[in-house]
């Protein structure tokens, strides 16, 4: 939905750039997921702040994976 939004209101270049930044932010901590900040908003989850984008990614750390639960715009009241 985020990429589709940017395709609609901006350009394909912008949409691809946003998608790339989101993926990079999610992939970066994979070697050490315990370093991701524990969320004080959603118990049992962790929060990734996406550099240079107004998004927070809520994840759950599994035994050998990272599960993306939600991506929330910082202007939105959540939860």
C-alpha atoms as a PDB file:
ATOM      1  CA  UNK A   1       0.000   0.000   0.000  1.00  0.00           C
ATOM      2  CA  UNK A   2       2.875   2.400   0.732  1.00  0.00           C
ATOM      3  CA  UNK A   3       4.517   1.887  -2.649  1.00  0.00           C
ATOM      4  CA  UNK A   4       1.141   2.142  -4.420  1.00  0.00           C
ATOM      5  CA  UNK A   5       0.502   5.437  -2.637  1.00  0.00           C
ATOM      6  CA  UNK A   6       3.813   6.894  -3.828  1.00  0.00           C
ATOM      7  CA  UNK A   7       3.133   5.636  -7.363  1.00  0.00           C
ATOM      8  CA  UNK A   8      -0.161   7.523  -7.288  1.00  0.00           C
ATOM      9  CA  UNK A   9       0.969  10.808  -5.733  1.00  0.00           C
ATOM     10  CA  UNK A  10       4.604  11.003  -6.831  1.00  0.00           C
ATOM     11  CA  UNK A  11       6.539   8.942  -9.369  1.00  0.00           C
ATOM     12  CA  UNK A  12       7.821   5.439  -9.978  1.00  0.00           C
ATOM     13  CA  UNK A  13      11.308   6.638  -9.011  1.00  0.00           C
ATOM     14  CA  UNK A  14      10.027   7.901  -5.656  1.00  0.00           C
ATOM     15  CA  UNK A  15       8.029   4.715  -5.057  1.00  0.00           C
ATOM     16  CA  UNK A  16      11.061   2.533  -5.815  1.00  0.00           C
ATOM     17  CA  UNK A  17      13.269   4.677  -3.582  1.00  0.00           C
ATOM     18  CA  UNK A  18      10.826   4.389  -0.662  1.00  0.00           C
ATOM     19  CA  UNK A  19      10.541   0.631  -1.175  1.00  0.00           C
ATOM     20  CA  UNK A  20      14.338   0.261  -1.259  1.00  0.00           C
ATOM     21  CA  UNK A  21      14.759   2.255   1.953  1.00  0.00           C
ATOM     22  CA  UNK A  22      12.089   0.233   3.738  1.00  0.00           C
ATOM     23  CA  UNK A  23      13.672  -3.062   2.681  1.00  0.00           C
ATOM     24  CA  UNK A  24      17.149  -1.860   3.687  1.00  0.00           C
ATOM     25  CA  UNK A  25      15.879  -0.754   7.109  1.00  0.00           C
ATOM     26  CA  UNK A  26      14.274  -4.152   7.668  1.00  0.00           C
ATOM     27  CA  UNK A  27      17.243  -6.184   6.405  1.00  0.00           C
ATOM     28  CA  UNK A  28      20.006  -4.230   8.174  1.00  0.00           C
ATOM     29  CA  UNK A  29      19.482  -5.640  11.692  1.00  0.00           C
ATOM     30  CA  UNK A  30      19.010  -9.263  10.604  1.00  0.00           C
ATOM     31  CA  UNK A  31      22.427 -10.444  11.833  1.00  0.00           C
ATOM     32  CA  UNK A  32      21.688  -9.027  15.322  1.00  0.00           C
ATOM     33  CA  UNK A  33      17.904  -8.664  15.754  1.00  0.00           C
ATOM     34  CA  UNK A  34      18.238  -8.353  19.528  1.00  0.00           C
ATOM     35  CA  UNK A  35      19.677  -4.878  18.915  1.00  0.00           C
ATOM     36  CA  UNK A  36      16.320  -3.649  17.620  1.00  0.00           C
ATOM     37  CA  UNK A  37      14.650  -1.419  20.192  1.00  0.00           C
ATOM     38  CA  UNK A  38      11.866  -3.048  22.200  1.00  0.00           C
ATOM     39  CA  UNK A  39       8.554  -1.303  21.574  1.00  0.00           C
ATOM     40  CA  UNK A  40       6.863   0.509  24.412  1.00  0.00           C
ATOM     41  CA  UNK A  41       3.744   0.910  22.230  1.00  0.00           C
ATOM     42  CA  UNK A  42       3.073  -2.719  21.316  1.00  0.00           C
ATOM     43  CA  UNK A  43       4.172  -5.266  23.942  1.00  0.00           C
ATOM     44  CA  UNK A  44       6.213  -8.177  22.632  1.00  0.00           C
ATOM     45  CA  UNK A  45       7.359  -6.359  19.509  1.00  0.00           C
ATOM     46  CA  UNK A  46      10.326  -4.294  18.425  1.00  0.00           C
ATOM     47  CA  UNK A  47      10.468  -1.020  16.473  1.00  0.00           C
ATOM     48  CA  UNK A  48      12.665  -0.021  13.568  1.00  0.00           C
ATOM     49  CA  UNK A  49      12.800   3.657  12.689  1.00  0.00           C
ATOM     50  CA  UNK A  50      13.355   4.034   8.952  1.00  0.00           C
ATOM     51  CA  UNK A  51      16.119   6.587   8.265  1.00  0.00           C
ATOM     52  CA  UNK A  52      15.005   9.596   6.199  1.00  0.00           C
ATOM     53  CA  UNK A  53      11.426   8.312   5.936  1.00  0.00           C
ATOM     54  CA  UNK A  54       8.457   8.979   8.227  1.00  0.00           C
ATOM     55  CA  UNK A  55       7.827   5.316   9.043  1.00  0.00           C
ATOM     56  CA  UNK A  56       8.227   2.945  11.965  1.00  0.00           C
ATOM     57  CA  UNK A  57       8.358  -0.789  11.261  1.00  0.00           C
ATOM     58  CA  UNK A  58       6.968  -3.046  13.993  1.00  0.00           C
ATOM     59  CA  UNK A  59       8.579  -6.481  13.994  1.00  0.00           C
ATOM     60  CA  UNK A  60       8.577  -9.661  16.016  1.00  0.00           C
ATOM     61  CA  UNK A  61      11.879 -11.500  16.355  1.00  0.00           C
ATOM     62  CA  UNK A  62      11.601 -15.240  15.756  1.00  0.00           C
ATOM     63  CA  UNK A  63      14.201 -17.894  16.466  1.00  0.00           C
ATOM     64  CA  UNK A  64      15.749 -17.469  13.025  1.00  0.00           C
ATOM     65  CA  UNK A  65      13.708 -14.769  11.324  1.00  0.00           C
ATOM     66  CA  UNK A  66      12.218 -11.308  11.576  1.00  0.00           C
ATOM     67  CA  UNK A  67       8.461 -10.964  11.050  1.00  0.00           C
ATOM     68  CA  UNK A  68       7.156  -7.592   9.871  1.00  0.00           C
ATOM     69  CA  UNK A  69       3.872  -6.946  11.663  1.00  0.00           C
ATOM     70  CA  UNK A  70       3.104  -3.409  10.537  1.00  0.00           C
ATOM     71  CA  UNK A  71       4.606  -0.310   8.953  1.00  0.00           C
ATOM     72  CA  UNK A  72       3.146   2.882  10.399  1.00  0.00           C
ATOM     73  CA  UNK A  73       3.513   6.500   9.300  1.00  0.00           C
ATOM     74  CA  UNK A  74       4.863   8.606  12.154  1.00  0.00           C
ATOM     75  CA  UNK A  75       2.056  11.169  11.774  1.00  0.00           C
ATOM     76  CA  UNK A  76      -0.487   8.504  12.642  1.00  0.00           C
ATOM     77  CA  UNK A  77      -1.561   7.896  16.242  1.00  0.00           C
ATOM     78  CA  UNK A  78      -0.594   4.298  16.887  1.00  0.00           C
ATOM     79  CA  UNK A  79      -1.771   2.235  18.623  1.00  0.00           C
END
